[in-house]
């Protein structure tokens, strides 16, 4: 199957290729974002453009959404996951998820409405995107730390 932004197979849902990142502040909190006119909190990141690598897409999205530049050497791969899309009906995502320490404070820009901080030892909101609730939080498990 090709890695186009939209992949189709007979009788299957379309799949969006996305790049996302777990960004941790100095207190070990995980940064979540919520886009304007949506309900679900998700990881920063977004759709890969045709021919764009996941790291390039991630860097572009971080600059657009949070005005954040991250050095590639500070980013490590968490994994590849598939989940229902949070904001696209009848669509799945194929996500390449990274992790990194957040070098400084960030503020929502572009289409972001809100940022939120998730703490490992505190209750989590019910409106987490499926990628987070079904895969990423479990994958982080014992490595959830500010000491990346």
N, C-alpha and C. Protein backbone atom coordinates (compact mmCIF):
# COMPACT_ATOMS: atom_id res chain seq x y z
N UNK A 1 0.84 -1.18 0.00
CA UNK A 1 0.00 0.00 0.00
C UNK A 1 0.89 1.24 0.00
N UNK A 2 0.57 2.22 -0.80
CA UNK A 2 1.38 3.44 -0.88
C UNK A 2 1.19 4.27 0.38
N UNK A 3 2.07 5.24 0.55
CA UNK A 3 2.00 6.11 1.71
C UNK A 3 1.41 7.46 1.33
N UNK A 4 0.42 7.46 0.46
CA UNK A 4 -0.26 8.69 0.10
C UNK A 4 -1.07 9.16 1.30
N UNK A 5 -1.43 10.44 1.28
CA UNK A 5 -2.20 10.98 2.39
C UNK A 5 -3.50 10.20 2.56
N UNK A 6 -4.17 9.88 1.47
CA UNK A 6 -5.40 9.11 1.53
C UNK A 6 -5.15 7.77 0.87
N UNK A 7 -5.34 6.72 1.60
CA UNK A 7 -5.16 5.39 1.06
C UNK A 7 -6.54 4.73 1.01
N UNK A 8 -6.82 4.01 -0.05
CA UNK A 8 -8.09 3.31 -0.17
C UNK A 8 -7.86 1.87 -0.54
N UNK A 9 -8.60 1.01 0.08
CA UNK A 9 -8.68 -0.37 -0.33
C UNK A 9 -10.18 -0.66 -0.41
N UNK A 10 -10.60 -1.57 -1.25
CA UNK A 10 -12.03 -1.85 -1.36
C UNK A 10 -12.66 -2.12 0.00
N UNK A 11 -13.81 -1.48 0.23
CA UNK A 11 -14.61 -1.67 1.45
C UNK A 11 -13.88 -1.29 2.73
N UNK A 12 -12.87 -0.45 2.65
CA UNK A 12 -12.18 0.01 3.85
C UNK A 12 -12.29 1.52 3.97
N UNK A 13 -12.13 2.01 5.18
CA UNK A 13 -12.18 3.45 5.42
C UNK A 13 -10.91 4.11 4.88
N UNK A 14 -11.02 5.38 4.47
CA UNK A 14 -9.81 6.11 4.07
C UNK A 14 -8.87 6.26 5.27
N UNK A 15 -7.58 6.33 4.98
CA UNK A 15 -6.56 6.44 6.03
C UNK A 15 -5.74 7.70 5.78
N UNK A 16 -5.61 8.53 6.82
CA UNK A 16 -4.76 9.72 6.77
C UNK A 16 -3.43 9.38 7.43
N UNK A 17 -2.34 9.70 6.75
CA UNK A 17 -1.01 9.55 7.36
C UNK A 17 -0.71 10.81 8.14
N UNK A 18 -0.41 10.64 9.42
CA UNK A 18 -0.11 11.80 10.25
C UNK A 18 1.20 11.59 11.01
N UNK A 19 1.76 12.70 11.46
CA UNK A 19 2.91 12.70 12.35
C UNK A 19 2.48 13.45 13.61
N UNK A 20 2.80 12.90 14.76
CA UNK A 20 2.42 13.52 16.03
C UNK A 20 3.58 13.35 17.01
N UNK A 21 3.53 14.14 18.09
CA UNK A 21 4.63 14.08 19.05
C UNK A 21 4.13 14.22 20.48
N UNK A 22 4.75 13.45 21.37
CA UNK A 22 4.55 13.58 22.81
C UNK A 22 5.61 14.57 23.29
N UNK A 23 5.16 15.75 23.69
CA UNK A 23 6.07 16.78 24.20
C UNK A 23 5.89 16.88 25.70
N UNK A 24 6.98 16.74 26.43
CA UNK A 24 6.94 16.77 27.89
C UNK A 24 7.63 18.03 28.40
N UNK A 25 6.99 18.70 29.38
CA UNK A 25 7.63 19.85 30.00
C UNK A 25 8.57 19.38 31.11
N UNK A 26 9.20 20.33 31.79
CA UNK A 26 10.18 19.98 32.83
C UNK A 26 9.56 19.26 34.02
N UNK A 27 8.23 19.37 34.17
CA UNK A 27 7.53 18.68 35.26
C UNK A 27 7.00 17.31 34.84
N UNK A 28 7.33 16.88 33.62
CA UNK A 28 6.89 15.57 33.16
C UNK A 28 5.47 15.54 32.63
N UNK A 29 4.87 16.71 32.43
CA UNK A 29 3.51 16.76 31.91
C UNK A 29 3.53 16.64 30.39
N UNK A 30 2.51 15.98 29.86
CA UNK A 30 2.37 15.76 28.42
C UNK A 30 1.49 16.85 27.82
N UNK A 31 1.97 17.51 26.78
CA UNK A 31 1.23 18.57 26.12
C UNK A 31 0.16 17.99 25.19
N UNK A 32 -1.08 18.45 25.37
CA UNK A 32 -2.18 18.09 24.48
C UNK A 32 -2.72 19.36 23.85
N UNK A 33 -3.30 19.23 22.68
CA UNK A 33 -3.89 20.37 21.99
C UNK A 33 -5.31 20.03 21.56
N UNK A 34 -6.13 21.08 21.41
CA UNK A 34 -7.48 20.92 20.87
C UNK A 34 -7.65 21.94 19.77
N UNK A 35 -8.06 21.46 18.61
CA UNK A 35 -8.25 22.35 17.47
C UNK A 35 -9.59 23.08 17.57
N UNK A 36 -9.65 24.24 16.97
CA UNK A 36 -10.86 25.06 16.96
C UNK A 36 -12.04 24.25 16.42
N UNK A 37 -13.20 24.40 17.05
CA UNK A 37 -14.45 23.75 16.64
C UNK A 37 -14.39 22.23 16.75
N UNK A 38 -13.56 21.70 17.65
CA UNK A 38 -13.50 20.25 17.91
C UNK A 38 -13.58 20.03 19.41
N UNK A 39 -13.78 18.79 19.81
CA UNK A 39 -13.89 18.45 21.23
C UNK A 39 -12.70 17.67 21.77
N UNK A 40 -12.04 16.89 20.93
CA UNK A 40 -11.02 15.95 21.40
C UNK A 40 -9.66 16.60 21.60
N UNK A 41 -9.02 16.23 22.71
CA UNK A 41 -7.63 16.62 22.93
C UNK A 41 -6.74 15.58 22.28
N UNK A 42 -5.68 16.05 21.64
CA UNK A 42 -4.78 15.17 20.90
C UNK A 42 -3.35 15.66 21.04
N UNK A 43 -2.45 14.90 20.46
CA UNK A 43 -1.05 15.30 20.42
C UNK A 43 -0.84 16.37 19.35
N UNK A 44 0.13 17.26 19.53
CA UNK A 44 0.48 18.19 18.46
C UNK A 44 0.97 17.41 17.24
N UNK A 45 0.69 17.94 16.07
CA UNK A 45 1.11 17.31 14.82
C UNK A 45 0.02 17.46 13.78
N UNK A 46 0.11 16.68 12.72
CA UNK A 46 -0.90 16.79 11.68
C UNK A 46 -0.61 15.90 10.49
N UNK A 47 -1.35 16.16 9.44
CA UNK A 47 -1.29 15.33 8.23
C UNK A 47 0.01 15.54 7.47
N UNK A 48 0.52 14.43 6.94
CA UNK A 48 1.68 14.48 6.06
C UNK A 48 1.21 14.84 4.66
N UNK A 49 1.88 15.78 4.04
CA UNK A 49 1.58 16.13 2.65
C UNK A 49 2.16 15.04 1.75
N UNK A 50 1.62 14.87 0.54
CA UNK A 50 2.16 13.85 -0.38
C UNK A 50 3.66 14.04 -0.58
N UNK A 51 4.43 12.97 -0.40
CA UNK A 51 5.87 13.01 -0.58
C UNK A 51 6.65 13.57 0.59
N UNK A 52 5.97 14.02 1.63
CA UNK A 52 6.63 14.62 2.80
C UNK A 52 6.92 13.54 3.84
N UNK A 53 8.12 13.55 4.40
CA UNK A 53 8.45 12.59 5.45
C UNK A 53 7.69 12.95 6.73
N UNK A 54 7.55 11.98 7.61
CA UNK A 54 6.83 12.24 8.86
C UNK A 54 7.57 13.28 9.71
N UNK A 55 8.89 13.25 9.72
CA UNK A 55 9.64 14.25 10.50
C UNK A 55 9.48 15.65 9.92
N UNK A 56 9.50 15.77 8.60
CA UNK A 56 9.30 17.08 7.98
C UNK A 56 7.89 17.59 8.24
N UNK A 57 6.91 16.69 8.16
CA UNK A 57 5.52 17.08 8.44
C UNK A 57 5.40 17.54 9.89
N UNK A 58 6.02 16.80 10.79
CA UNK A 58 5.97 17.16 12.20
C UNK A 58 6.58 18.53 12.44
N UNK A 59 7.74 18.79 11.88
CA UNK A 59 8.38 20.09 12.07
C UNK A 59 7.52 21.22 11.51
N UNK A 60 6.91 21.00 10.35
CA UNK A 60 6.04 22.00 9.74
C UNK A 60 4.83 22.27 10.64
N UNK A 61 4.20 21.20 11.11
CA UNK A 61 3.00 21.35 11.95
C UNK A 61 3.32 22.02 13.29
N UNK A 62 4.45 21.68 13.90
CA UNK A 62 4.83 22.31 15.16
C UNK A 62 5.06 23.80 14.99
N UNK A 63 5.66 24.18 13.89
CA UNK A 63 5.88 25.60 13.62
C UNK A 63 4.55 26.32 13.41
N UNK A 64 3.63 25.69 12.67
CA UNK A 64 2.32 26.30 12.42
C UNK A 64 1.47 26.37 13.68
N UNK A 65 1.40 25.27 14.43
CA UNK A 65 0.46 25.17 15.55
C UNK A 65 0.97 25.80 16.84
N UNK A 66 2.27 25.72 17.09
CA UNK A 66 2.82 26.16 18.37
C UNK A 66 3.98 27.14 18.23
N UNK A 67 4.32 27.50 16.98
CA UNK A 67 5.48 28.35 16.71
C UNK A 67 6.72 27.77 17.39
N UNK A 68 6.86 26.45 17.27
CA UNK A 68 7.92 25.70 17.93
C UNK A 68 8.84 25.07 16.90
N UNK A 69 10.14 25.29 17.10
CA UNK A 69 11.16 24.63 16.27
C UNK A 69 11.90 23.63 17.16
N UNK A 70 11.94 22.37 16.72
CA UNK A 70 12.67 21.34 17.45
C UNK A 70 13.79 20.81 16.57
N UNK A 71 14.96 20.65 17.15
CA UNK A 71 16.08 20.04 16.45
C UNK A 71 15.78 18.54 16.31
N UNK A 72 16.00 18.00 15.12
CA UNK A 72 15.72 16.59 14.86
C UNK A 72 16.45 15.68 15.84
N UNK A 73 17.63 16.09 16.28
CA UNK A 73 18.42 15.25 17.20
C UNK A 73 17.76 15.12 18.57
N UNK A 74 16.80 16.00 18.89
CA UNK A 74 16.12 15.94 20.19
C UNK A 74 14.85 15.09 20.15
N UNK A 75 14.52 14.57 18.97
CA UNK A 75 13.28 13.82 18.77
C UNK A 75 13.59 12.33 18.65
N UNK A 76 12.82 11.50 19.36
CA UNK A 76 12.97 10.05 19.21
C UNK A 76 11.63 9.42 18.86
N UNK A 77 11.67 8.30 18.17
CA UNK A 77 10.47 7.61 17.72
C UNK A 77 9.83 6.86 18.89
N UNK A 78 8.52 7.04 19.06
CA UNK A 78 7.77 6.25 20.03
C UNK A 78 7.18 5.01 19.35
N UNK A 79 6.60 5.20 18.14
CA UNK A 79 6.04 4.05 17.44
C UNK A 79 5.11 4.44 16.32
N UNK A 80 4.56 3.42 15.67
CA UNK A 80 3.59 3.58 14.59
C UNK A 80 2.28 2.97 15.06
N UNK A 81 1.18 3.72 14.90
CA UNK A 81 -0.11 3.28 15.42
C UNK A 81 -1.22 3.59 14.42
N UNK A 82 -2.29 2.82 14.50
CA UNK A 82 -3.48 3.05 13.69
C UNK A 82 -4.67 3.20 14.63
N UNK A 83 -5.52 4.19 14.35
CA UNK A 83 -6.67 4.45 15.21
C UNK A 83 -7.74 5.20 14.43
N UNK A 84 -8.97 5.23 14.94
CA UNK A 84 -9.99 6.08 14.32
C UNK A 84 -9.56 7.55 14.41
N UNK A 85 -9.83 8.31 13.37
CA UNK A 85 -9.52 9.75 13.40
C UNK A 85 -10.45 10.44 14.39
N UNK A 86 -9.92 11.38 15.14
CA UNK A 86 -10.72 12.08 16.15
C UNK A 86 -11.70 13.07 15.53
N UNK A 87 -11.30 13.72 14.44
CA UNK A 87 -12.10 14.81 13.89
C UNK A 87 -12.57 14.57 12.46
N UNK A 88 -12.38 13.38 11.93
CA UNK A 88 -12.78 13.05 10.56
C UNK A 88 -13.70 11.84 10.64
N UNK A 89 -14.93 11.99 10.18
CA UNK A 89 -15.91 10.90 10.23
C UNK A 89 -15.51 9.78 9.28
N UNK A 90 -15.70 8.54 9.71
CA UNK A 90 -15.43 7.36 8.88
C UNK A 90 -14.02 7.37 8.28
N UNK A 91 -13.06 7.74 9.08
CA UNK A 91 -11.66 7.82 8.63
C UNK A 91 -10.77 7.26 9.73
N UNK A 92 -9.69 6.64 9.31
CA UNK A 92 -8.68 6.15 10.25
C UNK A 92 -7.39 6.95 10.04
N UNK A 93 -6.53 6.90 11.03
CA UNK A 93 -5.21 7.52 10.89
C UNK A 93 -4.14 6.45 11.02
N UNK A 94 -3.08 6.64 10.28
CA UNK A 94 -1.85 5.87 10.43
C UNK A 94 -0.83 6.88 10.96
N UNK A 95 -0.49 6.74 12.23
CA UNK A 95 0.30 7.77 12.91
C UNK A 95 1.72 7.30 13.20
N UNK A 96 2.67 8.15 12.85
CA UNK A 96 4.04 7.99 13.32
C UNK A 96 4.18 8.95 14.49
N UNK A 97 4.44 8.40 15.67
CA UNK A 97 4.45 9.21 16.88
C UNK A 97 5.87 9.27 17.45
N UNK A 98 6.27 10.49 17.77
CA UNK A 98 7.60 10.76 18.31
C UNK A 98 7.46 11.26 19.74
N UNK A 99 8.59 11.46 20.41
CA UNK A 99 8.59 12.07 21.73
C UNK A 99 9.82 12.96 21.87
N UNK A 100 9.68 13.99 22.71
CA UNK A 100 10.78 14.93 22.94
C UNK A 100 10.47 15.76 24.18
N UNK A 101 11.51 16.36 24.72
CA UNK A 101 11.35 17.32 25.80
C UNK A 101 10.99 18.67 25.18
N UNK A 102 10.08 19.36 25.81
CA UNK A 102 9.68 20.68 25.35
C UNK A 102 10.71 21.69 25.84
N UNK A 103 11.37 22.42 24.93
CA UNK A 103 12.47 23.29 25.34
C UNK A 103 12.03 24.59 26.02
N UNK A 104 10.79 25.01 25.81
CA UNK A 104 10.30 26.25 26.40
C UNK A 104 8.77 26.25 26.37
N UNK A 105 8.20 27.24 26.99
CA UNK A 105 6.74 27.37 27.04
C UNK A 105 6.20 27.61 25.63
N UNK A 106 5.01 27.07 25.36
CA UNK A 106 4.37 27.27 24.06
C UNK A 106 2.95 27.78 24.24
N UNK A 107 2.44 28.38 23.18
CA UNK A 107 1.09 28.94 23.18
C UNK A 107 0.38 28.49 21.91
N UNK A 108 -0.94 28.31 21.97
CA UNK A 108 -1.66 27.87 20.77
C UNK A 108 -1.64 28.92 19.67
N UNK A 109 -1.46 28.47 18.44
CA UNK A 109 -1.48 29.35 17.26
C UNK A 109 -2.28 28.64 16.18
N UNK A 110 -2.40 29.27 15.02
CA UNK A 110 -3.10 28.71 13.85
C UNK A 110 -4.47 28.20 14.26
N UNK A 111 -4.76 26.91 13.95
CA UNK A 111 -6.10 26.38 14.20
C UNK A 111 -6.31 25.87 15.62
N UNK A 112 -5.31 26.02 16.48
CA UNK A 112 -5.46 25.51 17.85
C UNK A 112 -6.30 26.45 18.69
N UNK A 113 -7.21 25.86 19.43
CA UNK A 113 -8.08 26.60 20.33
C UNK A 113 -7.54 26.58 21.76
N UNK A 114 -6.91 25.46 22.15
CA UNK A 114 -6.55 25.27 23.54
C UNK A 114 -5.39 24.29 23.67
N UNK A 115 -4.57 24.51 24.70
CA UNK A 115 -3.58 23.50 25.08
C UNK A 115 -3.92 23.05 26.49
N UNK A 116 -3.55 21.83 26.80
CA UNK A 116 -3.83 21.24 28.11
C UNK A 116 -2.64 20.37 28.48
N UNK A 117 -2.46 20.16 29.77
CA UNK A 117 -1.34 19.34 30.25
C UNK A 117 -1.89 18.09 30.91
N UNK A 118 -1.38 16.95 30.50
CA UNK A 118 -1.78 15.67 31.06
C UNK A 118 -0.68 15.19 32.01
N UNK A 119 -1.09 14.79 33.21
CA UNK A 119 -0.13 14.30 34.19
C UNK A 119 -0.38 12.82 34.43
N UNK A 120 0.69 12.06 34.55
CA UNK A 120 0.59 10.61 34.69
C UNK A 120 -0.21 10.20 35.92
N UNK A 121 -0.09 10.94 37.00
CA UNK A 121 -0.70 10.53 38.27
C UNK A 121 -2.02 11.22 38.57
N UNK A 122 -2.58 11.95 37.61
CA UNK A 122 -3.85 12.64 37.84
C UNK A 122 -4.89 12.10 36.87
N UNK A 123 -6.19 12.27 37.19
CA UNK A 123 -7.24 11.78 36.28
C UNK A 123 -7.12 12.44 34.90
N UNK A 124 -7.41 11.65 33.88
CA UNK A 124 -7.34 12.14 32.51
C UNK A 124 -8.73 12.50 32.02
N UNK A 125 -8.84 13.50 31.15
CA UNK A 125 -10.15 13.87 30.62
C UNK A 125 -10.74 12.75 29.75
N UNK A 126 -12.06 12.76 29.64
CA UNK A 126 -12.76 11.75 28.83
C UNK A 126 -12.66 12.01 27.34
N UNK A 127 -12.33 13.24 26.97
CA UNK A 127 -12.34 13.60 25.55
C UNK A 127 -10.95 13.54 24.91
N UNK A 128 -10.24 12.43 25.14
CA UNK A 128 -8.95 12.21 24.50
C UNK A 128 -9.17 11.57 23.13
N UNK A 129 -8.37 11.96 22.16
CA UNK A 129 -8.44 11.35 20.82
C UNK A 129 -8.14 9.85 20.94
N UNK A 130 -8.75 9.03 20.07
CA UNK A 130 -8.51 7.58 20.12
C UNK A 130 -7.03 7.19 20.04
N UNK A 131 -6.24 7.91 19.26
CA UNK A 131 -4.81 7.60 19.17
C UNK A 131 -4.17 7.63 20.56
N UNK A 132 -4.52 8.65 21.34
CA UNK A 132 -3.99 8.78 22.70
C UNK A 132 -4.53 7.69 23.62
N UNK A 133 -5.87 7.59 23.69
CA UNK A 133 -6.48 6.69 24.66
C UNK A 133 -6.26 5.22 24.34
N UNK A 134 -6.18 4.87 23.06
CA UNK A 134 -6.07 3.46 22.67
C UNK A 134 -4.63 2.98 22.51
N UNK A 135 -3.68 3.89 22.27
CA UNK A 135 -2.33 3.44 21.95
C UNK A 135 -1.20 4.19 22.66
N UNK A 136 -1.17 5.50 22.52
CA UNK A 136 0.01 6.26 22.95
C UNK A 136 0.23 6.20 24.46
N UNK A 137 -0.83 6.37 25.25
CA UNK A 137 -0.65 6.37 26.70
C UNK A 137 -0.11 5.03 27.19
N UNK A 138 -0.56 3.94 26.59
CA UNK A 138 -0.03 2.62 26.95
C UNK A 138 1.42 2.48 26.48
N UNK A 139 1.73 2.98 25.29
CA UNK A 139 3.09 2.88 24.76
C UNK A 139 4.07 3.68 25.61
N UNK A 140 3.61 4.80 26.16
CA UNK A 140 4.49 5.60 27.02
C UNK A 140 4.82 4.85 28.30
N UNK A 141 3.81 4.23 28.88
CA UNK A 141 3.98 3.41 30.08
C UNK A 141 5.07 3.89 31.01
N UNK A 142 6.08 3.08 31.23
CA UNK A 142 7.16 3.38 32.16
C UNK A 142 8.13 4.44 31.69
N UNK A 143 8.05 4.85 30.40
CA UNK A 143 9.00 5.87 29.94
C UNK A 143 8.44 7.28 30.07
N UNK A 144 7.22 7.40 30.65
CA UNK A 144 6.64 8.73 30.81
C UNK A 144 7.46 9.47 31.85
N UNK A 145 8.33 10.33 31.38
CA UNK A 145 9.24 11.06 32.26
C UNK A 145 9.72 12.32 31.56
N UNK A 146 10.10 13.29 32.33
CA UNK A 146 10.68 14.52 31.76
C UNK A 146 12.14 14.28 31.38
N UNK A 147 12.69 13.17 31.82
CA UNK A 147 14.10 12.88 31.57
C UNK A 147 14.25 12.12 30.26
N UNK A 148 13.95 12.79 29.15
CA UNK A 148 13.99 12.15 27.83
C UNK A 148 15.39 12.18 27.28
